[in-house]
Amino acid sequence: MKGHYQTLPSPEQQQLWWNDWNQTFLRNLHPEKVRQGDTALSLLRLLNLRQPQILEVGCANGWLCEKLVEFGAVTGIDIADVSIAEARSRVPSTRFIV
């Protein structure tokens, strides 16, 4: 449909939005997020991988990366630079990319 395209927010606007969202909603993790993380960890245990390289996309403040390091090398990426700074202090042994 011609003429119905929306302008996407700039990368800077997206970063500001996600920084705000993460600071608001990741202070106390919703039980559903914790359950999803626990499910992912259970599945990783079943795979019995030897030192996998793990990429967590949208890692926010690194709460799940902190648990993933038991399996192997972890890299976390997120657009929210404030959250990445928090993740780096939470899990200094992990590589984080904005």
C-alpha atoms as a PDB file:
ATOM      1  CA  MET A   1       0.000   0.000   0.000  1.00  0.00           C
ATOM      2  CA  LYS A   2       1.650   3.105  -1.236  1.00  0.00           C
ATOM      3  CA  GLY A   3       2.094   5.925   1.253  1.00  0.00           C
ATOM      4  CA  HIS A   4       1.596   3.852   4.410  1.00  0.00           C
ATOM      5  CA  TYR A   5       5.217   3.498   5.433  1.00  0.00           C
ATOM      6  CA  GLN A   6       6.233   4.574   8.900  1.00  0.00           C
ATOM      7  CA  THR A   7       9.527   6.205   9.649  1.00  0.00           C
ATOM      8  CA  LEU A   8      11.604   4.034  11.959  1.00  0.00           C
ATOM      9  CA  PRO A   9      13.099   5.642  15.037  1.00  0.00           C
ATOM     10  CA  SER A  10      16.771   6.481  14.681  1.00  0.00           C
ATOM     11  CA  PRO A  11      19.304   4.141  16.317  1.00  0.00           C
ATOM     12  CA  GLU A  12      19.824   6.814  18.988  1.00  0.00           C
ATOM     13  CA  GLN A  13      16.088   6.989  19.718  1.00  0.00           C
ATOM     14  CA  GLN A  14      15.905   3.205  19.900  1.00  0.00           C
ATOM     15  CA  GLN A  15      18.843   3.127  22.276  1.00  0.00           C
ATOM     16  CA  LEU A  16      17.223   5.708  24.565  1.00  0.00           C
ATOM     17  CA  TRP A  17      13.940   3.780  24.539  1.00  0.00           C
ATOM     18  CA  TRP A  18      15.602   0.460  25.405  1.00  0.00           C
ATOM     19  CA  ASN A  19      17.767   2.042  28.096  1.00  0.00           C
ATOM     20  CA  ASP A  20      14.607   3.399  29.709  1.00  0.00           C
ATOM     21  CA  TRP A  21      12.690   0.131  29.293  1.00  0.00           C
ATOM     22  CA  ASN A  22      15.500  -1.959  30.780  1.00  0.00           C
ATOM     23  CA  GLN A  23      15.959   0.395  33.723  1.00  0.00           C
ATOM     24  CA  THR A  24      12.215   0.277  34.400  1.00  0.00           C
ATOM     25  CA  PHE A  25      11.403  -3.392  33.873  1.00  0.00           C
ATOM     26  CA  LEU A  26      14.600  -5.329  34.594  1.00  0.00           C
ATOM     27  CA  ARG A  27      14.971  -4.188  38.183  1.00  0.00           C
ATOM     28  CA  ASN A  28      12.658  -7.026  39.220  1.00  0.00           C
ATOM     29  CA  LEU A  29      12.556  -9.768  36.616  1.00  0.00           C
ATOM     30  CA  HIS A  30       9.106 -10.979  35.694  1.00  0.00           C
ATOM     31  CA  PRO A  31       8.670 -14.642  36.698  1.00  0.00           C
ATOM     32  CA  GLU A  32       7.987 -15.543  33.062  1.00  0.00           C
ATOM     33  CA  LYS A  33      11.432 -14.223  32.018  1.00  0.00           C
ATOM     34  CA  VAL A  34      13.080 -16.238  34.799  1.00  0.00           C
ATOM     35  CA  ARG A  35      11.163 -19.340  33.675  1.00  0.00           C
ATOM     36  CA  GLN A  36      12.255 -18.811  30.071  1.00  0.00           C
ATOM     37  CA  GLY A  37      15.873 -18.448  31.182  1.00  0.00           C
ATOM     38  CA  ASP A  38      15.655 -21.580  33.315  1.00  0.00           C
ATOM     39  CA  THR A  39      14.186 -23.475  30.350  1.00  0.00           C
ATOM     40  CA  ALA A  40      17.067 -22.386  28.112  1.00  0.00           C
ATOM     41  CA  LEU A  41      19.583 -23.460  30.760  1.00  0.00           C
ATOM     42  CA  SER A  42      17.872 -26.867  31.111  1.00  0.00           C
ATOM     43  CA  LEU A  43      18.017 -27.393  27.357  1.00  0.00           C
ATOM     44  CA  LEU A  44      21.708 -26.485  27.288  1.00  0.00           C
ATOM     45  CA  ARG A  45      22.385 -29.031  30.019  1.00  0.00           C
ATOM     46  CA  LEU A  46      20.626 -31.727  27.966  1.00  0.00           C
ATOM     47  CA  LEU A  47      22.810 -30.974  24.947  1.00  0.00           C
ATOM     48  CA  ASN A  48      25.958 -31.819  26.929  1.00  0.00           C
ATOM     49  CA  LEU A  49      28.091 -29.530  24.755  1.00  0.00           C
ATOM     50  CA  ARG A  50      31.806 -29.139  25.392  1.00  0.00           C
ATOM     51  CA  GLN A  51      32.741 -25.476  25.773  1.00  0.00           C
ATOM     52  CA  PRO A  52      30.254 -23.960  23.290  1.00  0.00           C
ATOM     53  CA  GLN A  53      30.493 -20.362  22.176  1.00  0.00           C
ATOM     54  CA  ILE A  54      27.200 -18.732  23.122  1.00  0.00           C
ATOM     55  CA  LEU A  55      25.720 -15.524  21.705  1.00  0.00           C
ATOM     56  CA  GLU A  56      22.893 -13.910  23.631  1.00  0.00           C
ATOM     57  CA  VAL A  57      21.110 -11.348  21.475  1.00  0.00           C
ATOM     58  CA  GLY A  58      19.256  -8.733  23.492  1.00  0.00           C
ATOM     59  CA  CYS A  59      21.133  -9.581  26.682  1.00  0.00           C
ATOM     60  CA  ALA A  60      20.058  -6.400  28.509  1.00  0.00           C
ATOM     61  CA  ASN A  61      21.833  -6.237  31.893  1.00  0.00           C
ATOM     62  CA  GLY A  62      23.419  -9.675  31.525  1.00  0.00           C
ATOM     63  CA  TRP A  63      21.210 -11.518  34.008  1.00  0.00           C
ATOM     64  CA  LEU A  64      21.098 -14.614  31.800  1.00  0.00           C
ATOM     65  CA  CYS A  65      24.711 -14.293  30.576  1.00  0.00           C
ATOM     66  CA  GLU A  66      25.720 -14.572  34.212  1.00  0.00           C
ATOM     67  CA  LYS A  67      24.226 -18.092  34.219  1.00  0.00           C
ATOM     68  CA  LEU A  68      25.323 -19.050  30.708  1.00  0.00           C
ATOM     69  CA  VAL A  69      29.040 -18.752  31.518  1.00  0.00           C
ATOM     70  CA  GLU A  70      28.898 -22.136  33.260  1.00  0.00           C
ATOM     71  CA  PHE A  71      28.591 -23.707  29.791  1.00  0.00           C
ATOM     72  CA  GLY A  72      31.289 -21.855  27.846  1.00  0.00           C
ATOM     73  CA  ALA A  73      32.349 -18.529  26.366  1.00  0.00           C
ATOM     74  CA  VAL A  74      29.487 -16.030  26.192  1.00  0.00           C
ATOM     75  CA  THR A  75      29.078 -12.874  24.132  1.00  0.00           C
ATOM     76  CA  GLY A  76      26.123 -10.646  24.895  1.00  0.00           C
ATOM     77  CA  ILE A  77      24.851  -7.917  22.597  1.00  0.00           C
ATOM     78  CA  ASP A  78      22.238  -5.233  23.138  1.00  0.00           C
ATOM     79  CA  ILE A  79      21.407  -1.774  21.805  1.00  0.00           C
ATOM     80  CA  ALA A  80      21.009  -0.383  25.344  1.00  0.00           C
ATOM     81  CA  ASP A  81      24.422   0.954  26.324  1.00  0.00           C
ATOM     82  CA  VAL A  82      23.417   1.620  29.941  1.00  0.00           C
ATOM     83  CA  SER A  83      22.349  -2.011  30.303  1.00  0.00           C
ATOM     84  CA  ILE A  84      25.570  -3.216  28.703  1.00  0.00           C
ATOM     85  CA  ALA A  85      27.568  -1.180  31.227  1.00  0.00           C
ATOM     86  CA  GLU A  86      25.627  -2.911  34.000  1.00  0.00           C
ATOM     87  CA  ALA A  87      26.190  -6.301  32.346  1.00  0.00           C
ATOM     88  CA  ARG A  88      29.944  -5.690  32.138  1.00  0.00           C
ATOM     89  CA  SER A  89      30.119  -5.040  35.865  1.00  0.00           C
ATOM     90  CA  ARG A  90      27.861  -8.028  36.599  1.00  0.00           C
ATOM     91  CA  VAL A  91      29.859 -10.514  34.475  1.00  0.00           C
ATOM     92  CA  PRO A  92      33.333  -9.065  33.834  1.00  0.00           C
ATOM     93  CA  SER A  93      34.570 -12.300  32.253  1.00  0.00           C
ATOM     94  CA  THR A  94      32.028 -11.987  29.442  1.00  0.00           C
ATOM     95  CA  ARG A  95      32.325 -10.012  26.229  1.00  0.00           C
ATOM     96  CA  PHE A  96      29.526  -7.477  25.729  1.00  0.00           C
ATOM     97  CA  ILE A  97      28.877  -5.435  22.595  1.00  0.00           C
ATOM     98  CA  VAL A  98      26.600  -2.432  22.099  1.00  0.00           C
END
